[in-house]
Amino acid sequence: MIRRWLDTWTGLGLVVTGMAPQGYRLHLTNVEPGIWWATFAGNVALAAEGFGAAPTPWRAVQVAAWEVVGKR
């Protein structure tokens, strides 16, 4: 049930909103049909600290966020 809720634009927004107070900004790109890249970075001038690629934007954001959280 939670997965279904997070796999929406609303869920994507909630993940981004939760990462922002921790100092992370999202960059989301639709590379080509069916491929989304998401990166979270604390400083946009430096390399991304979390990266995710997936067929849907919400999954790419979730993967990138988990990568950042896992490094802490």
N, C-alpha and C. Protein backbone atom coordinates (compact mmCIF):
# COMPACT_ATOMS: atom_id res chain seq x y z
N MET A 1 0.82 -1.18 0.00
CA MET A 1 0.00 0.00 0.00
C MET A 1 0.87 1.26 0.00
N ILE A 2 1.91 1.29 0.82
CA ILE A 2 2.79 2.45 0.86
C ILE A 2 3.51 2.58 -0.48
N ARG A 3 3.92 1.47 -1.04
CA ARG A 3 4.62 1.50 -2.32
C ARG A 3 3.72 2.12 -3.40
N ARG A 4 2.46 1.73 -3.42
CA ARG A 4 1.52 2.28 -4.39
C ARG A 4 1.37 3.79 -4.20
N TRP A 5 1.40 4.24 -2.96
CA TRP A 5 1.25 5.65 -2.65
C TRP A 5 2.51 6.43 -3.05
N LEU A 6 3.69 5.86 -2.80
CA LEU A 6 4.94 6.54 -3.14
C LEU A 6 5.20 6.54 -4.65
N ASP A 7 4.62 5.60 -5.36
CA ASP A 7 4.82 5.52 -6.81
C ASP A 7 3.85 6.42 -7.56
N THR A 8 3.79 7.68 -7.14
CA THR A 8 2.96 8.70 -7.79
C THR A 8 3.72 10.01 -7.77
N TRP A 9 3.21 11.00 -8.49
CA TRP A 9 3.83 12.32 -8.45
C TRP A 9 3.76 12.91 -7.05
N THR A 10 2.67 12.62 -6.33
CA THR A 10 2.55 13.11 -4.95
C THR A 10 3.63 12.48 -4.07
N GLY A 11 3.84 11.19 -4.22
CA GLY A 11 4.88 10.52 -3.45
C GLY A 11 6.26 11.04 -3.78
N LEU A 12 6.51 11.31 -5.07
CA LEU A 12 7.78 11.89 -5.48
C LEU A 12 7.99 13.23 -4.78
N GLY A 13 6.95 14.05 -4.76
CA GLY A 13 7.04 15.35 -4.10
C GLY A 13 7.33 15.24 -2.62
N LEU A 14 6.76 14.25 -1.98
CA LEU A 14 7.00 14.05 -0.55
C LEU A 14 8.44 13.64 -0.27
N VAL A 15 9.01 12.81 -1.12
CA VAL A 15 10.41 12.42 -0.95
C VAL A 15 11.30 13.65 -1.12
N VAL A 16 11.04 14.45 -2.15
CA VAL A 16 11.84 15.65 -2.40
C VAL A 16 11.69 16.63 -1.24
N THR A 17 10.47 16.81 -0.75
CA THR A 17 10.21 17.70 0.37
C THR A 17 10.93 17.22 1.63
N GLY A 18 11.03 15.91 1.82
CA GLY A 18 11.74 15.36 2.97
C GLY A 18 13.25 15.51 2.87
N MET A 19 13.77 15.52 1.66
CA MET A 19 15.22 15.65 1.47
C MET A 19 15.68 17.11 1.56
N ALA A 20 14.82 18.05 1.21
CA ALA A 20 15.20 19.47 1.18
C ALA A 20 15.69 20.00 2.53
N PRO A 21 15.02 19.73 3.65
CA PRO A 21 15.51 20.24 4.93
C PRO A 21 16.88 19.67 5.33
N GLN A 22 17.25 18.55 4.72
CA GLN A 22 18.56 17.96 4.99
C GLN A 22 19.64 18.58 4.10
N GLY A 23 19.23 19.53 3.25
CA GLY A 23 20.18 20.24 2.41
C GLY A 23 20.38 19.67 1.02
N TYR A 24 19.51 18.78 0.58
CA TYR A 24 19.66 18.14 -0.73
C TYR A 24 18.68 18.71 -1.74
N ARG A 25 19.19 18.96 -2.93
CA ARG A 25 18.38 19.44 -4.05
C ARG A 25 18.27 18.32 -5.08
N LEU A 26 17.12 18.26 -5.73
CA LEU A 26 16.87 17.23 -6.74
C LEU A 26 17.09 17.77 -8.14
N HIS A 27 17.69 16.95 -8.97
CA HIS A 27 17.75 17.20 -10.41
C HIS A 27 17.15 15.96 -11.06
N LEU A 28 16.06 16.16 -11.81
CA LEU A 28 15.34 15.05 -12.45
C LEU A 28 15.34 15.28 -13.95
N THR A 29 15.76 14.26 -14.70
CA THR A 29 15.87 14.37 -16.15
C THR A 29 15.23 13.17 -16.82
N ASN A 30 14.46 13.45 -17.86
CA ASN A 30 13.90 12.39 -18.70
C ASN A 30 14.85 12.22 -19.88
N VAL A 31 15.78 11.28 -19.75
CA VAL A 31 16.86 11.11 -20.71
C VAL A 31 16.31 10.74 -22.09
N GLU A 32 15.45 9.77 -22.11
CA GLU A 32 14.77 9.34 -23.33
C GLU A 32 13.51 8.61 -22.89
N PRO A 33 12.61 8.30 -23.77
CA PRO A 33 11.38 7.63 -23.34
C PRO A 33 11.69 6.37 -22.52
N GLY A 34 11.16 6.32 -21.32
CA GLY A 34 11.34 5.16 -20.47
C GLY A 34 12.58 5.18 -19.59
N ILE A 35 13.36 6.26 -19.62
CA ILE A 35 14.54 6.35 -18.76
C ILE A 35 14.56 7.71 -18.06
N TRP A 36 14.50 7.67 -16.74
CA TRP A 36 14.58 8.86 -15.90
C TRP A 36 15.82 8.78 -15.05
N TRP A 37 16.51 9.91 -14.90
CA TRP A 37 17.66 10.03 -14.00
C TRP A 37 17.31 11.01 -12.91
N ALA A 38 17.64 10.64 -11.69
CA ALA A 38 17.44 11.54 -10.55
C ALA A 38 18.75 11.62 -9.78
N THR A 39 19.11 12.83 -9.40
CA THR A 39 20.29 13.02 -8.57
C THR A 39 19.95 13.95 -7.42
N PHE A 40 20.50 13.65 -6.26
CA PHE A 40 20.41 14.53 -5.10
C PHE A 40 21.82 15.01 -4.79
N ALA A 41 21.95 16.31 -4.60
CA ALA A 41 23.24 16.90 -4.26
C ALA A 41 23.06 17.95 -3.19
N GLY A 42 23.99 18.00 -2.26
CA GLY A 42 23.97 19.02 -1.22
C GLY A 42 24.47 20.35 -1.75
N ASN A 43 25.34 20.28 -2.74
CA ASN A 43 25.88 21.48 -3.37
C ASN A 43 25.86 21.22 -4.87
N VAL A 44 25.13 22.04 -5.61
CA VAL A 44 24.98 21.78 -7.05
C VAL A 44 26.28 21.91 -7.83
N ALA A 45 27.29 22.55 -7.25
CA ALA A 45 28.58 22.68 -7.92
C ALA A 45 29.44 21.43 -7.75
N LEU A 46 29.06 20.55 -6.83
CA LEU A 46 29.82 19.33 -6.57
C LEU A 46 29.08 18.13 -7.15
N ALA A 47 29.72 17.00 -7.12
CA ALA A 47 29.12 15.77 -7.63
C ALA A 47 27.89 15.38 -6.81
N ALA A 48 26.98 14.71 -7.47
CA ALA A 48 25.77 14.23 -6.80
C ALA A 48 26.13 13.19 -5.75
N GLU A 49 25.39 13.21 -4.66
CA GLU A 49 25.62 12.25 -3.58
C GLU A 49 24.69 11.05 -3.68
N GLY A 50 23.65 11.19 -4.48
CA GLY A 50 22.73 10.08 -4.70
C GLY A 50 22.27 10.09 -6.15
N PHE A 51 22.31 8.94 -6.79
CA PHE A 51 21.92 8.83 -8.20
C PHE A 51 20.97 7.66 -8.37
N GLY A 52 19.94 7.85 -9.18
CA GLY A 52 19.02 6.77 -9.49
C GLY A 52 18.58 6.85 -10.94
N ALA A 53 18.47 5.71 -11.59
CA ALA A 53 17.95 5.63 -12.96
C ALA A 53 16.87 4.56 -12.96
N ALA A 54 15.74 4.88 -13.58
CA ALA A 54 14.62 3.94 -13.58
C ALA A 54 13.64 4.30 -14.69
N PRO A 55 12.71 3.41 -14.98
CA PRO A 55 11.73 3.69 -16.02
C PRO A 55 10.66 4.72 -15.61
N THR A 56 10.54 4.98 -14.32
CA THR A 56 9.58 5.98 -13.85
C THR A 56 10.29 7.03 -13.01
N PRO A 57 9.79 8.27 -13.02
CA PRO A 57 10.46 9.32 -12.26
C PRO A 57 10.45 9.06 -10.76
N TRP A 58 9.35 8.53 -10.22
CA TRP A 58 9.29 8.31 -8.78
C TRP A 58 10.25 7.23 -8.34
N ARG A 59 10.44 6.20 -9.14
CA ARG A 59 11.39 5.15 -8.76
C ARG A 59 12.83 5.67 -8.81
N ALA A 60 13.15 6.48 -9.82
CA ALA A 60 14.49 7.06 -9.91
C ALA A 60 14.78 7.94 -8.69
N VAL A 61 13.78 8.72 -8.26
CA VAL A 61 13.95 9.58 -7.08
C VAL A 61 14.12 8.74 -5.82
N GLN A 62 13.34 7.67 -5.69
CA GLN A 62 13.45 6.80 -4.52
C GLN A 62 14.84 6.17 -4.43
N VAL A 63 15.34 5.69 -5.55
CA VAL A 63 16.67 5.05 -5.57
C VAL A 63 17.75 6.07 -5.18
N ALA A 64 17.66 7.27 -5.74
CA ALA A 64 18.65 8.31 -5.43
C ALA A 64 18.59 8.71 -3.96
N ALA A 65 17.38 8.85 -3.43
CA ALA A 65 17.24 9.22 -2.01
C ALA A 65 17.79 8.12 -1.10
N TRP A 66 17.50 6.86 -1.41
CA TRP A 66 18.02 5.76 -0.59
C TRP A 66 19.55 5.72 -0.63
N GLU A 67 20.11 6.07 -1.78
CA GLU A 67 21.58 6.09 -1.87
C GLU A 67 22.16 7.14 -0.94
N VAL A 68 21.54 8.31 -0.87
CA VAL A 68 22.01 9.37 0.03
C VAL A 68 21.85 8.93 1.49
N VAL A 69 20.70 8.41 1.82
CA VAL A 69 20.41 7.99 3.20
C VAL A 69 21.36 6.87 3.63
N GLY A 70 21.68 5.98 2.72
CA GLY A 70 22.58 4.86 3.01
C GLY A 70 24.01 5.29 3.30
N LYS A 71 24.40 6.46 2.82
CA LYS A 71 25.77 6.95 3.03
C LYS A 71 25.92 7.63 4.38
N ARG A 72 24.86 7.89 5.05
CA ARG A 72 24.92 8.60 6.34
C ARG A 72 25.19 7.64 7.46
